[in-house]
Amino acid sequence: MTATRPPRRGPSRPLLGALALALAGACTTAPNEPPAPTAGTQTPPATVQPTRSADAGDAPTIRTTRQSYRQDETIVVLLRNATANDWFAASGRTWCTILEAQRLLDGGHRPEGACVEGAPPGLVKIPARSEQNIELTPGGSNAPLPAGRYRFALDASEGSSTQPVVTIASPEFTIQA
């Protein structure tokens, strides 16, 4: 009678080695550095994750000009940078702006209003001591936002894209059907 080995359980060593190489290859970009641009594209923003929320007075502020909007109305957001420094934010958020509409769902805020058409995301300068209105108008490729409670979020960095990213949130507002 010859002895037989029990069947091997789990992945084989060559499979584990291939998996390790694949995972290592997926992490070739150094942390906090953007991928290299390709010909004909804008330089993408740094891939820094938000590190803190803004404290009053040390970062730009955002707020809607009204507490409530209908789904078919233009939403106007006041962006104010009262600081002495320029700030930078990535475009490509809600309807290809620098703002991200976030709907309150299940106790958390969920992004709404994808950027369907537009140029590749790039950095937008928010000049020191400036105010500007950002208008978000539904229509065309900008599907109306669903009814609900919202806020806008802005991820920005002070001085350059290599600085830590700060998440700035507006007060909540509503969109009615």
Protein backbone atom coordinates (compact mmCIF):
# COMPACT_ATOMS: atom_id res chain seq x y z
CA MET A 1 0.00 0.00 0.00
CA THR A 2 1.41 3.35 -0.96
CA ALA A 3 0.92 6.42 1.17
CA THR A 4 -0.98 9.27 -0.37
CA ARG A 5 -0.72 12.85 0.69
CA PRO A 6 -3.83 14.62 1.83
CA PRO A 7 -4.98 17.32 -0.61
CA ARG A 8 -3.22 20.64 -0.14
CA ARG A 9 -5.36 23.36 1.39
CA GLY A 10 -5.03 27.06 0.58
CA PRO A 11 -3.25 28.79 -2.28
CA SER A 12 -0.02 27.46 -3.73
CA ARG A 13 3.28 29.21 -3.11
CA PRO A 14 3.61 30.38 -6.74
CA LEU A 15 0.11 31.91 -6.49
CA LEU A 16 1.02 33.71 -3.26
CA GLY A 17 4.21 35.04 -4.87
CA ALA A 18 2.29 36.34 -7.89
CA LEU A 19 -0.26 37.99 -5.62
CA ALA A 20 2.49 39.71 -3.62
CA LEU A 21 4.11 41.01 -6.82
CA ALA A 22 0.77 42.28 -8.13
CA LEU A 23 0.05 44.13 -4.88
CA ALA A 24 3.54 45.64 -4.81
CA GLY A 25 3.16 46.80 -8.42
CA ALA A 26 -0.11 48.55 -7.58
CA CYS A 27 1.70 50.82 -5.14
CA THR A 28 4.36 52.33 -7.37
CA THR A 29 3.47 56.00 -6.78
CA ALA A 30 5.04 57.52 -3.71
CA PRO A 31 2.51 58.69 -1.10
CA ASN A 32 1.14 62.20 -1.63
CA GLU A 33 2.57 62.49 -5.13
CA PRO A 34 0.37 62.80 -8.22
CA PRO A 35 0.83 60.40 -11.11
CA ALA A 36 2.92 61.68 -13.99
CA PRO A 37 0.85 63.62 -16.53
CA THR A 38 0.44 62.27 -20.04
CA ALA A 39 0.72 64.33 -23.18
CA GLY A 40 -2.23 66.65 -23.72
CA THR A 41 -3.66 66.51 -20.19
CA GLN A 42 -3.66 68.92 -17.30
CA THR A 43 -1.49 68.18 -14.30
CA PRO A 44 -3.71 66.26 -11.86
CA PRO A 45 -4.04 67.42 -8.26
CA ALA A 46 -1.99 65.78 -5.55
CA THR A 47 -3.57 62.65 -4.12
CA VAL A 48 -3.38 63.86 -0.52
CA GLN A 49 -6.26 62.75 1.65
CA PRO A 50 -8.04 65.28 3.88
CA THR A 51 -6.24 65.51 7.20
CA ARG A 52 -8.40 67.88 9.23
CA SER A 53 -11.49 70.01 9.13
CA ALA A 54 -11.07 73.74 8.83
CA ASP A 55 -11.27 75.92 11.92
CA ALA A 56 -13.14 79.20 11.64
CA GLY A 57 -10.90 81.96 10.35
CA ASP A 58 -7.97 79.86 9.17
CA ALA A 59 -9.44 78.64 5.86
CA PRO A 60 -11.89 79.71 3.17
CA THR A 61 -15.61 79.37 3.92
CA ILE A 62 -18.52 78.20 1.78
CA ARG A 63 -22.25 78.68 2.21
CA THR A 64 -25.32 78.66 0.02
CA THR A 65 -27.08 81.98 -0.45
CA ARG A 66 -30.42 80.39 0.57
CA GLN A 67 -31.59 77.68 2.96
CA SER A 68 -33.73 75.90 0.36
CA TYR A 69 -33.80 75.33 -3.41
CA ARG A 70 -36.07 73.51 -5.85
CA GLN A 71 -34.50 70.77 -7.96
CA ASP A 72 -34.72 72.92 -11.11
CA GLU A 73 -33.15 76.05 -9.56
CA THR A 74 -29.58 77.29 -9.77
CA ILE A 75 -27.78 76.84 -6.45
CA VAL A 76 -25.51 79.76 -5.59
CA VAL A 77 -22.61 79.11 -3.23
CA LEU A 78 -20.55 81.95 -1.78
CA LEU A 79 -16.85 81.04 -1.55
CA ARG A 80 -14.95 83.46 0.68
CA ASN A 81 -11.21 83.37 1.33
CA ALA A 82 -10.49 85.95 4.03
CA THR A 83 -7.02 84.55 4.68
CA ALA A 84 -3.76 86.17 3.56
CA ASN A 85 -2.85 83.14 1.43
CA ASP A 86 -4.02 81.62 -1.83
CA TRP A 87 -5.69 78.21 -1.56
CA PHE A 88 -6.02 75.47 -4.20
CA ALA A 89 -8.85 73.00 -4.84
CA ALA A 90 -9.31 70.26 -7.42
CA SER A 91 -12.07 70.56 -9.99
CA GLY A 92 -14.02 67.57 -11.24
CA ARG A 93 -16.44 67.41 -8.31
CA THR A 94 -20.22 68.00 -8.51
CA TRP A 95 -21.07 69.11 -12.03
CA CYS A 96 -17.32 69.58 -12.70
CA THR A 97 -16.87 72.34 -10.08
CA ILE A 98 -14.54 72.41 -7.07
CA LEU A 99 -17.52 71.78 -4.77
CA GLU A 100 -18.96 68.40 -3.84
CA ALA A 101 -22.69 68.24 -3.07
CA GLN A 102 -23.21 65.74 -0.27
CA ARG A 103 -26.69 64.42 0.55
CA LEU A 104 -27.49 63.33 4.10
CA LEU A 105 -28.38 59.62 3.92
CA ASP A 106 -28.33 56.97 6.63
CA GLY A 107 -26.58 59.29 9.08
CA GLY A 108 -23.74 60.20 6.69
CA HIS A 109 -23.10 62.52 3.76
CA ARG A 110 -22.98 60.90 0.28
CA PRO A 111 -21.62 62.60 -2.88
CA GLU A 112 -24.15 63.57 -5.56
CA GLY A 113 -23.96 65.19 -9.01
CA ALA A 114 -21.17 63.48 -10.92
CA CYS A 115 -18.93 65.36 -13.35
CA VAL A 116 -20.10 63.82 -16.63
CA GLU A 117 -18.64 66.25 -19.13
CA GLY A 118 -15.78 68.68 -18.87
CA ALA A 119 -12.04 69.01 -18.93
CA PRO A 120 -9.87 66.65 -16.89
CA PRO A 121 -9.68 67.66 -13.23
CA GLY A 122 -7.12 70.34 -12.46
CA LEU A 123 -6.25 72.73 -9.68
CA VAL A 124 -8.25 75.92 -9.22
CA LYS A 125 -6.71 78.86 -7.37
CA ILE A 126 -8.78 80.54 -4.66
CA PRO A 127 -7.06 83.93 -4.33
CA ALA A 128 -6.29 85.45 -0.93
CA ARG A 129 -8.85 87.96 0.38
CA SER A 130 -11.41 87.14 -2.30
CA GLU A 131 -15.10 86.33 -2.63
CA GLN A 132 -16.84 84.64 -5.51
CA ASN A 133 -20.19 83.06 -6.29
CA ILE A 134 -20.19 79.56 -7.71
CA GLU A 135 -23.40 78.79 -9.58
CA LEU A 136 -24.52 75.19 -9.99
CA THR A 137 -27.26 74.98 -12.60
CA PRO A 138 -29.13 71.74 -13.37
CA GLY A 139 -29.75 70.86 -16.98
CA GLY A 140 -28.01 69.15 -19.89
CA SER A 141 -25.55 66.63 -18.46
CA ASN A 142 -26.10 68.07 -14.96
CA ALA A 143 -28.95 65.91 -13.72
CA PRO A 144 -30.98 67.61 -10.96
CA LEU A 145 -29.93 66.64 -7.46
CA PRO A 146 -32.45 64.42 -5.67
CA ALA A 147 -34.62 66.06 -3.02
CA GLY A 148 -33.14 65.96 0.48
CA ARG A 149 -30.84 67.60 3.00
CA TYR A 150 -27.41 68.59 1.68
CA ARG A 151 -24.18 70.37 2.39
CA PHE A 152 -21.29 71.31 0.11
CA ALA A 153 -17.74 70.20 0.83
CA LEU A 154 -14.54 71.74 -0.49
CA ASP A 155 -11.19 69.95 -0.21
CA ALA A 156 -8.47 72.58 -0.47
CA SER A 157 -4.83 73.13 0.42
CA GLU A 158 -3.17 76.36 1.49
CA GLY A 159 -0.38 77.79 -0.64
CA SER A 160 0.20 74.78 -2.92
CA SER A 161 -1.08 71.33 -3.78
CA THR A 162 1.70 69.75 -1.71
CA GLN A 163 0.28 71.09 1.57
CA PRO A 164 -2.18 69.03 3.65
CA VAL A 165 -5.74 69.05 2.37
CA VAL A 166 -8.42 70.62 4.55
CA THR A 167 -12.10 69.71 4.23
CA ILE A 168 -14.37 72.75 4.43
CA ALA A 169 -18.12 72.14 4.77
CA SER A 170 -21.07 74.49 4.28
CA PRO A 171 -24.06 74.63 6.59
CA GLU A 172 -26.81 72.22 5.55
CA PHE A 173 -29.55 73.26 3.12
CA THR A 174 -32.47 71.48 1.45
CA ILE A 175 -33.45 70.64 -2.11
CA GLN A 176 -37.19 70.22 -2.65
CA ALA A 177 -38.88 68.25 -5.40
